[in-house]
Amino acid sequence: MFGILAKFFRFSGRENGNKFKLSIVIGLIEALASAMKIPAIMYILIGLLSGKPTGKYIGGSVAIMVLAIVVDVICKRYSTVLQTEGGYNASAFMRIKIAEHLRYLPMGGYFNSNSIGGEISSITTNTMEILGDVAARVVMLTMQGILETSMIILMLFIFDWRIGLIAAAGVLIFFGVNSVMQNAGKKDSERKVVCDTELVNQIMEYLQGISEVKSYNLLGKQAKRLNDANEACEKINTKMEMLFVPYHFLQSVITKITGAVIVACSAYFYINGTMSAVYAIGMTISAFMLYASLECAGNYSSLLHVVSVCVDKANAILELDTMDIDGKEIQPENYDIRLSNVSFSYDKRKIIDDISLSIPQKTTTAIVGPSGGGKSTLCNLIARFWDVDSGGSDTWKRECKRLQHEQSDA
């Protein structure tokens, strides 16, 4: 769990990572303010059970509660703003960083399998949206639950170390089950991201190729692919929910059993005279507060592996080898465009079949044909937006793949 949290902070960059870290510090203060409800309750109980006038006890307890609520509201506001800014900026800056990196990738092979309707489109849309919105909330709410749980256990240790040990043991068992749940959902989390990528792939491919789909009567096949991708996403999301439900139930049982043990032990210690009535009642109330904070940490942490996979996918783009942009300067003899025995297919349907052409520099060439005849496809092949299946595309008597970055951009 903590490794994934650290990975997300590194991914966010220094500036946004600092915002998340500041949010955690503010969250620690917020958790402390939330835990102050315990001494406030204890203080008023002392007044009620002491037989003395309760005015000052009620006033003191109300003052503590009001201060805790004010601090909690202020901290929640600032931490939420920092989380929102950090998540949005991390996603936006990573999109820009990926776009800058893509400028230096070769336009062949990789782009054919990962361009519009592929890995890149999915990462810059769906993956970045998850990291900018969902991931930031998942990470910070998980951290907040852990911090509040830690503060409550600290308070329990201060008032009675025995109850503190019981609470700590319950929390350790809880996070043990949580760790098993995360490992069990690791493969499905990866599969979910793959299915989301494929869904974006099919949507973008369908939209981009709608003219070819209509022209070559591929509507049924393409619609089936899109429906299959949608059904695959539905199945994996349902599978993940069904996988996590038993673990969430077990975590809930553990928190309730821990609370019940705290209540029973508090009553036992009171009966034996080793704990005052005030402390016994206070510990009983604290058990319910512990349950709420643990539930928050446990429920959101089930999505941490999805966050981890999304971070890895974004980083994988940045690790791709770029072109040599400082290569040899080319001074072409002319700017002719030539295709030699070029063939190209959409899926298994051949669109361009063994075409050769030569377009001399400073001339105008019209490519004429019926709708769906392959005119746009031919232009895309000449521009090297796609790779040919066979044959060659030469520009200025040079193979396009050998052109340095600045000239291929031109």
Protein backbone atom coordinates (compact mmCIF):
# COMPACT_ATOMS: atom_id res chain seq x y z
CA MET A 1 0.00 0.00 0.00
CA PHE A 2 2.62 2.53 1.07
CA GLY A 3 4.78 1.69 -1.98
CA ILE A 4 1.87 2.60 -4.27
CA LEU A 5 1.31 5.85 -2.40
CA ALA A 6 5.01 6.74 -2.78
CA LYS A 7 4.88 5.86 -6.50
CA PHE A 8 1.92 8.20 -7.02
CA PHE A 9 3.69 11.07 -5.25
CA ARG A 10 6.80 10.59 -7.43
CA PHE A 11 4.62 10.51 -10.52
CA SER A 12 2.96 13.80 -9.55
CA GLY A 13 6.26 15.68 -9.73
CA ARG A 14 7.96 17.84 -7.14
CA GLU A 15 5.51 20.76 -7.10
CA ASN A 16 2.33 18.69 -7.06
CA GLY A 17 3.94 16.11 -4.78
CA ASN A 18 4.63 18.91 -2.29
CA LYS A 19 0.97 19.89 -2.47
CA PHE A 20 -0.05 16.32 -1.64
CA LYS A 21 2.49 16.16 1.19
CA LEU A 22 1.24 19.48 2.59
CA SER A 23 -2.27 18.08 2.31
CA ILE A 24 -1.14 15.08 4.38
CA VAL A 25 0.29 17.39 7.06
CA ILE A 26 -2.98 19.32 7.14
CA GLY A 27 -4.78 15.97 7.21
CA LEU A 28 -2.73 15.03 10.27
CA ILE A 29 -3.95 18.17 12.02
CA GLU A 30 -7.48 17.36 10.87
CA ALA A 31 -7.14 13.83 12.25
CA LEU A 32 -5.87 15.19 15.55
CA ALA A 33 -8.83 17.58 15.71
CA SER A 34 -11.17 14.66 15.02
CA ALA A 35 -9.51 12.63 17.79
CA MET A 36 -10.00 15.53 20.23
CA LYS A 37 -13.63 14.43 20.46
CA ILE A 38 -12.43 11.68 22.80
CA PRO A 39 -11.03 13.99 25.55
CA ALA A 40 -14.05 16.29 25.08
CA ILE A 41 -16.38 13.37 25.80
CA MET A 42 -14.20 12.20 28.68
CA TYR A 43 -14.21 15.66 30.25
CA ILE A 44 -18.00 15.98 30.31
CA LEU A 45 -18.30 12.43 31.64
CA ILE A 46 -16.00 13.36 34.52
CA GLY A 47 -18.33 16.24 35.38
CA LEU A 48 -21.48 14.10 35.14
CA LEU A 49 -20.10 11.31 37.33
CA SER A 50 -18.32 13.47 39.87
CA GLY A 51 -21.50 14.91 41.34
CA LYS A 52 -20.12 18.42 41.07
CA PRO A 53 -21.78 21.28 39.18
CA THR A 54 -21.53 20.38 35.54
CA GLY A 55 -21.54 23.91 34.12
CA LYS A 56 -17.80 24.25 33.71
CA TYR A 57 -17.47 20.70 32.42
CA ILE A 58 -20.16 21.24 29.81
CA GLY A 59 -18.62 24.56 28.81
CA GLY A 60 -15.14 23.07 28.59
CA SER A 61 -16.37 20.10 26.58
CA VAL A 62 -18.34 22.33 24.19
CA ALA A 63 -15.28 24.60 23.78
CA ILE A 64 -13.09 21.62 22.88
CA MET A 65 -15.70 20.28 20.46
CA VAL A 66 -16.23 23.66 18.77
CA LEU A 67 -12.47 24.18 18.42
CA ALA A 68 -12.10 20.66 16.99
CA ILE A 69 -14.93 21.21 14.49
CA VAL A 70 -13.57 24.61 13.37
CA VAL A 71 -10.07 23.19 12.88
CA ASP A 72 -11.54 20.16 11.10
CA VAL A 73 -13.57 22.31 8.67
CA ILE A 74 -10.65 24.65 7.90
CA CYS A 75 -8.21 21.79 7.41
CA LYS A 76 -10.66 19.85 5.24
CA ARG A 77 -11.17 22.88 3.02
CA TYR A 78 -7.47 23.54 2.46
CA SER A 79 -6.56 19.87 2.08
CA THR A 80 -9.34 19.37 -0.50
CA VAL A 81 -8.15 22.39 -2.49
CA LEU A 82 -4.57 21.13 -2.43
CA GLN A 83 -5.65 17.63 -3.48
CA THR A 84 -7.77 18.99 -6.34
CA GLU A 85 -5.01 21.28 -7.59
CA GLY A 86 -2.36 18.59 -7.24
CA GLY A 87 -4.43 15.95 -9.03
CA TYR A 88 -5.50 18.23 -11.88
CA ASN A 89 -2.05 19.76 -12.40
CA ALA A 90 -0.30 16.39 -12.23
CA SER A 91 -2.61 15.04 -14.93
CA ALA A 92 -2.38 18.17 -17.11
CA PHE A 93 1.41 18.46 -16.88
CA MET A 94 1.84 14.75 -17.59
CA ARG A 95 -0.30 15.10 -20.72
CA ILE A 96 1.99 17.93 -21.87
CA LYS A 97 5.08 15.91 -20.97
CA ILE A 98 3.82 12.90 -22.93
CA ALA A 99 2.92 15.11 -25.90
CA GLU A 100 6.40 16.61 -25.88
CA HIS A 101 7.95 13.15 -25.71
CA LEU A 102 5.78 11.90 -28.59
CA ARG A 103 7.26 14.57 -30.86
CA TYR A 104 10.52 12.68 -30.82
CA LEU A 105 9.15 9.19 -31.43
CA PRO A 106 9.43 7.67 -34.94
CA MET A 107 6.18 7.85 -36.88
CA GLY A 108 6.18 4.23 -38.07
CA GLY A 109 5.69 0.93 -36.23
CA TYR A 110 4.88 2.20 -32.76
CA PHE A 111 2.35 4.76 -33.92
CA ASN A 112 0.54 2.30 -36.14
CA SER A 113 -0.36 0.11 -33.17
CA ASN A 114 -0.61 2.84 -30.54
CA SER A 115 -1.87 6.04 -32.20
CA ILE A 116 -5.45 7.32 -32.33
CA GLY A 117 -7.65 4.57 -31.02
CA GLY A 118 -4.72 2.92 -29.21
CA GLU A 119 -2.45 3.09 -26.21
CA ILE A 120 -1.58 6.76 -26.51
CA SER A 121 -5.16 7.96 -26.86
CA SER A 122 -6.24 5.82 -23.91
CA ILE A 123 -3.42 7.06 -21.69
CA THR A 124 -3.89 10.74 -22.53
CA THR A 125 -7.67 10.51 -22.01
CA ASN A 126 -8.94 7.73 -19.77
CA THR A 127 -5.73 7.03 -17.80
CA MET A 128 -4.95 10.70 -17.17
CA GLU A 129 -8.55 11.29 -16.12
CA ILE A 130 -8.28 8.47 -13.58
CA LEU A 131 -4.98 9.83 -12.24
CA GLY A 132 -6.18 13.42 -12.13
CA ASP A 133 -9.53 12.79 -10.46
CA VAL A 134 -10.07 9.31 -9.05
CA ALA A 135 -6.47 8.52 -8.07
CA ALA A 136 -5.95 11.73 -6.12
CA ARG A 137 -9.13 11.13 -4.11
CA VAL A 138 -8.36 7.45 -3.55
CA VAL A 139 -4.82 8.17 -2.37
CA MET A 140 -5.73 11.06 -0.10
CA LEU A 141 -8.85 9.47 1.44
CA THR A 142 -6.86 6.32 2.14
CA MET A 143 -4.15 8.41 3.80
CA GLN A 144 -6.75 10.36 5.75
CA GLY A 145 -8.31 7.15 7.06
CA ILE A 146 -4.90 5.86 8.13
CA LEU A 147 -4.04 9.15 9.86
CA GLU A 148 -7.35 9.32 11.75
CA THR A 149 -6.97 5.70 12.84
CA SER A 150 -3.43 6.42 14.06
CA MET A 151 -4.56 9.46 16.05
CA ILE A 152 -7.44 7.56 17.68
CA ILE A 153 -5.12 4.70 18.68
CA LEU A 154 -2.66 7.25 20.08
CA MET A 155 -5.44 8.76 22.20
CA LEU A 156 -6.46 5.31 23.41
CA PHE A 157 -2.88 4.57 24.45
CA ILE A 158 -2.76 7.87 26.36
CA PHE A 159 -5.90 7.05 28.36
CA ASP A 160 -5.39 3.28 28.76
CA TRP A 161 -2.56 1.29 27.19
CA ARG A 162 -4.49 -1.97 27.39
CA ILE A 163 -7.30 -0.67 25.22
CA GLY A 164 -4.70 0.87 22.94
CA LEU A 165 -3.07 -2.54 22.43
CA ILE A 166 -6.42 -4.15 21.61
CA ALA A 167 -7.19 -1.43 19.07
CA ALA A 168 -3.70 -1.69 17.52
CA ALA A 169 -4.04 -5.48 17.21
CA GLY A 170 -7.42 -5.10 15.48
CA VAL A 171 -5.97 -2.53 13.07
CA LEU A 172 -3.04 -4.81 12.20
CA ILE A 173 -5.42 -7.69 11.43
CA PHE A 174 -7.58 -5.31 9.39
CA PHE A 175 -4.66 -4.18 7.23
CA GLY A 176 -3.47 -7.77 6.91
CA VAL A 177 -6.78 -8.64 5.28
CA ASN A 178 -6.52 -5.44 3.25
CA SER A 179 -3.10 -6.49 1.95
CA VAL A 180 -4.48 -9.90 0.91
CA MET A 181 -7.37 -8.12 -0.86
CA GLN A 182 -5.01 -5.88 -2.82
CA ASN A 183 -2.86 -8.82 -3.92
CA ALA A 184 -5.97 -10.76 -4.94
CA GLY A 185 -7.19 -7.85 -7.04
CA LYS A 186 -3.85 -7.05 -8.65
CA LYS A 187 -4.39 -9.05 -11.85
CA ASP A 188 -7.98 -7.88 -12.22
CA SER A 189 -6.85 -4.27 -11.73
CA GLU A 190 -4.40 -4.69 -14.59
CA ARG A 191 -7.09 -6.36 -16.66
CA LYS A 192 -9.49 -3.49 -15.96
CA VAL A 193 -7.00 -0.93 -17.29
CA VAL A 194 -6.40 -3.11 -20.37
CA CYS A 195 -10.16 -3.33 -21.00
CA ASP A 196 -10.55 0.42 -20.56
CA THR A 197 -7.73 0.95 -23.04
CA GLU A 198 -9.33 -1.40 -25.55
CA LEU A 199 -12.69 0.34 -25.17
CA VAL A 200 -11.13 3.72 -25.92
CA ASN A 201 -9.26 2.06 -28.78
CA GLN A 202 -12.44 0.73 -30.37
CA ILE A 203 -14.37 3.98 -29.88
CA MET A 204 -11.63 6.09 -31.47
CA GLU A 205 -11.04 3.59 -34.27
CA TYR A 206 -14.77 3.49 -35.01
CA LEU A 207 -15.03 7.28 -35.12
CA GLN A 208 -11.86 7.81 -37.12
CA GLY A 209 -12.64 5.13 -39.66
CA ILE A 210 -16.38 5.74 -39.97
CA SER A 211 -16.03 6.71 -43.65
CA GLU A 212 -14.12 3.50 -44.45
CA VAL A 213 -16.60 1.52 -42.36
CA LYS A 214 -19.49 2.83 -44.45
CA SER A 215 -17.67 2.63 -47.77
CA TYR A 216 -16.54 -0.97 -47.36
CA ASN A 217 -19.61 -2.18 -45.48
CA LEU A 218 -17.67 -2.95 -42.28
CA LEU A 219 -20.42 -1.63 -40.00
CA GLY A 220 -21.39 -4.98 -38.49
CA LYS A 221 -17.80 -6.04 -37.78
CA GLN A 222 -16.74 -2.71 -36.27
CA ALA A 223 -19.93 -2.43 -34.19
CA LYS A 224 -19.34 -5.94 -32.88
CA ARG A 225 -15.80 -5.04 -31.82
CA LEU A 226 -17.10 -1.98 -30.00
CA ASN A 227 -19.83 -3.95 -28.27
CA ASP A 228 -17.37 -6.69 -27.33
CA ALA A 229 -15.03 -4.13 -25.76
CA ASN A 230 -17.92 -2.59 -23.83
CA GLU A 231 -19.05 -5.99 -22.57
CA ALA A 232 -15.47 -6.86 -21.55
CA CYS A 233 -15.33 -3.69 -19.42
CA GLU A 234 -18.68 -4.54 -17.88
CA LYS A 235 -17.51 -8.05 -17.00
CA ILE A 236 -14.19 -7.02 -15.46
CA ASN A 237 -15.81 -4.25 -13.39
CA THR A 238 -18.42 -6.70 -12.11
CA LYS A 239 -15.73 -9.28 -11.40
CA MET A 240 -13.70 -6.76 -9.39
CA GLU A 241 -16.73 -5.77 -7.35
CA MET A 242 -17.58 -9.40 -6.63
CA LEU A 243 -13.96 -10.06 -5.70
CA PHE A 244 -13.74 -7.14 -3.26
CA VAL A 245 -17.15 -7.60 -1.59
CA PRO A 246 -16.10 -10.58 0.60
CA TYR A 247 -12.93 -8.76 1.69
CA HIS A 248 -14.87 -5.59 2.50
CA PHE A 249 -17.30 -7.71 4.50
CA LEU A 250 -14.43 -9.39 6.36
CA GLN A 251 -12.85 -6.00 7.09
CA SER A 252 -16.18 -4.77 8.43
CA VAL A 253 -16.47 -7.85 10.64
CA ILE A 254 -12.95 -7.28 11.99
CA THR A 255 -13.70 -3.66 12.89
CA LYS A 256 -16.94 -4.63 14.60
CA ILE A 257 -15.27 -7.46 16.52
CA THR A 258 -12.47 -5.09 17.55
CA GLY A 259 -15.06 -2.59 18.78
CA ALA A 260 -16.95 -5.31 20.64
CA VAL A 261 -13.74 -6.52 22.31
CA ILE A 262 -12.91 -2.95 23.37
CA VAL A 263 -16.40 -2.54 24.89
CA ALA A 264 -16.24 -5.93 26.64
CA CYS A 265 -12.73 -5.33 28.01
CA SER A 266 -13.67 -1.83 29.19
CA ALA A 267 -16.64 -3.30 31.08
CA TYR A 268 -14.44 -6.07 32.50
CA PHE A 269 -11.75 -3.63 33.66
CA TYR A 270 -14.42 -1.44 35.27
CA ILE A 271 -15.97 -4.38 37.12
CA ASN A 272 -12.53 -5.44 38.38
CA GLY A 273 -11.85 -1.92 39.53
CA THR A 274 -8.89 -1.31 37.23
CA MET A 275 -10.71 1.27 35.11
CA SER A 276 -12.97 4.12 36.15
CA ALA A 277 -16.51 4.44 34.84
CA VAL A 278 -15.51 7.57 32.94
CA TYR A 279 -12.75 5.78 31.09
CA ALA A 280 -14.94 2.73 30.45
CA ILE A 281 -17.66 4.86 28.81
CA GLY A 282 -15.07 6.89 26.91
CA MET A 283 -13.37 3.78 25.54
CA THR A 284 -16.74 2.40 24.43
CA ILE A 285 -17.49 5.57 22.46
CA SER A 286 -13.98 5.57 20.97
CA ALA A 287 -14.54 2.06 19.58
CA PHE A 288 -17.21 3.42 17.21
CA MET A 289 -14.93 6.27 16.08
CA LEU A 290 -12.20 3.75 15.29
CA TYR A 291 -14.64 1.75 13.16
CA ALA A 292 -15.53 4.76 11.00
CA SER A 293 -11.92 5.74 10.25
CA LEU A 294 -10.90 2.18 9.40
CA GLU A 295 -13.82 1.77 7.00
CA CYS A 296 -12.72 4.88 5.12
CA ALA A 297 -9.15 3.62 4.70
CA GLY A 298 -10.19 0.08 3.76
CA ASN A 299 -12.86 0.85 1.18
CA TYR A 300 -10.78 3.25 -0.89
CA SER A 301 -7.53 1.28 -0.68
CA SER A 302 -9.05 -1.48 -2.85
CA LEU A 303 -8.52 0.81 -5.86
CA LEU A 304 -4.84 1.50 -5.19
CA HIS A 305 -3.62 -1.14 -7.64
CA VAL A 306 -5.65 0.52 -10.40
CA VAL A 307 -3.78 3.73 -9.56
CA SER A 308 -0.47 1.83 -9.68
CA VAL A 309 -1.21 0.33 -13.12
CA CYS A 310 -2.22 3.75 -14.51
CA VAL A 311 1.02 5.31 -13.25
CA ASP A 312 3.04 2.49 -14.84
CA LYS A 313 1.27 2.92 -18.19
CA ALA A 314 1.96 6.66 -18.26
CA ASN A 315 5.61 6.15 -17.30
CA ALA A 316 5.98 3.47 -19.99
CA ILE A 317 5.30 6.07 -22.69
CA LEU A 318 8.03 8.33 -21.32
CA GLU A 319 10.53 5.43 -21.30
CA LEU A 320 10.19 4.79 -25.05
CA ASP A 321 13.35 5.43 -27.05
CA THR A 322 13.22 8.59 -29.12
CA MET A 323 14.67 9.34 -32.52
CA ASP A 324 18.14 10.73 -32.95
CA ILE A 325 17.23 14.38 -33.47
CA ASP A 326 20.87 15.42 -33.81
CA GLY A 327 21.49 13.18 -36.83
CA LYS A 328 23.15 14.00 -40.10
CA GLU A 329 21.79 17.02 -41.98
CA ILE A 330 20.32 15.98 -45.35
CA GLN A 331 20.58 18.21 -48.41
CA PRO A 332 18.27 16.57 -50.99
CA GLU A 333 18.91 16.86 -54.69
CA ASN A 334 15.17 17.34 -55.24
CA TYR A 335 11.85 17.06 -53.45
CA ASP A 336 10.22 14.32 -55.50
CA ILE A 337 7.77 11.90 -53.88
CA ARG A 338 7.82 8.25 -54.93
CA LEU A 339 5.86 5.15 -53.98
CA SER A 340 7.15 1.78 -55.10
CA ASN A 341 4.80 -1.23 -55.20
CA VAL A 342 2.89 -0.09 -52.11
CA SER A 343 0.12 -2.23 -50.58
CA PHE A 344 -2.04 -1.46 -47.56
CA SER A 345 -5.02 -3.12 -45.85
CA TYR A 346 -7.63 -2.25 -43.24
CA ASP A 347 -7.69 -5.38 -41.17
CA LYS A 348 -7.80 -8.13 -43.83
CA ARG A 349 -9.40 -6.00 -46.54
CA LYS A 350 -6.83 -4.69 -49.05
CA ILE A 351 -7.36 -1.05 -49.99
CA ILE A 352 -4.12 -0.17 -51.78
CA ASP A 353 -2.80 -2.96 -54.02
CA ASP A 354 0.73 -2.73 -55.49
CA ILE A 355 0.60 0.97 -56.43
CA SER A 356 3.63 2.89 -57.70
CA LEU A 357 3.72 6.60 -58.44
CA SER A 358 6.13 9.47 -58.88
CA ILE A 359 5.29 13.10 -58.11
CA PRO A 360 8.04 15.49 -59.26
CA GLN A 361 8.77 18.55 -57.20
CA LYS A 362 6.98 21.80 -58.06
CA THR A 363 4.12 19.96 -59.75
CA THR A 364 0.46 19.46 -58.87
CA THR A 365 -1.03 15.98 -58.81
CA ALA A 366 -4.76 15.22 -58.49
CA ILE A 367 -5.78 11.87 -56.98
CA VAL A 368 -9.24 11.10 -58.33
CA GLY A 369 -11.54 8.22 -57.50
CA PRO A 370 -14.91 7.22 -56.04
CA SER A 371 -15.78 7.68 -52.39
CA GLY A 372 -14.04 4.99 -50.39
CA GLY A 373 -11.60 4.27 -53.18
CA GLY A 374 -8.52 4.85 -51.03
CA LYS A 375 -7.61 8.48 -51.85
CA SER A 376 -7.27 9.62 -48.22
CA THR A 377 -5.53 6.38 -47.35
CA LEU A 378 -2.98 6.95 -50.11
CA CYS A 379 -2.30 10.50 -48.87
CA ASN A 380 -1.83 9.22 -45.33
CA LEU A 381 0.69 6.67 -46.61
CA ILE A 382 2.58 9.32 -48.58
CA ALA A 383 2.72 11.53 -45.48
CA ARG A 384 3.91 8.48 -43.48
CA PHE A 385 1.09 8.79 -40.97
CA TRP A 386 0.72 5.01 -41.39
CA ASP A 387 3.18 2.32 -42.40
CA VAL A 388 2.70 0.45 -45.66
CA ASP A 389 2.14 -3.32 -45.57
CA SER A 390 4.64 -3.80 -48.39
CA GLY A 391 6.57 -1.67 -50.84
CA GLY A 392 8.42 1.55 -50.16
CA SER A 393 7.78 5.25 -49.66
CA ASP A 394 10.68 7.47 -50.79
CA THR A 395 10.93 11.21 -50.46
CA TRP A 396 13.77 13.26 -51.97
CA LYS A 397 15.35 9.91 -53.02
CA ARG A 398 15.61 9.02 -49.31
CA GLU A 399 13.74 6.39 -47.33
CA CYS A 400 11.36 8.33 -45.02
CA LYS A 401 12.33 6.32 -41.95
CA ARG A 402 15.87 7.68 -42.23
CA LEU A 403 14.88 11.34 -42.15
CA GLN A 404 15.91 13.30 -39.09
CA HIS A 405 13.24 14.74 -36.81
CA GLU A 406 13.09 18.32 -38.08
CA GLN A 407 12.80 17.32 -41.75
CA SER A 408 10.17 14.62 -41.16
CA ASP A 409 8.18 17.25 -39.27
CA ALA A 410 8.40 19.57 -42.26
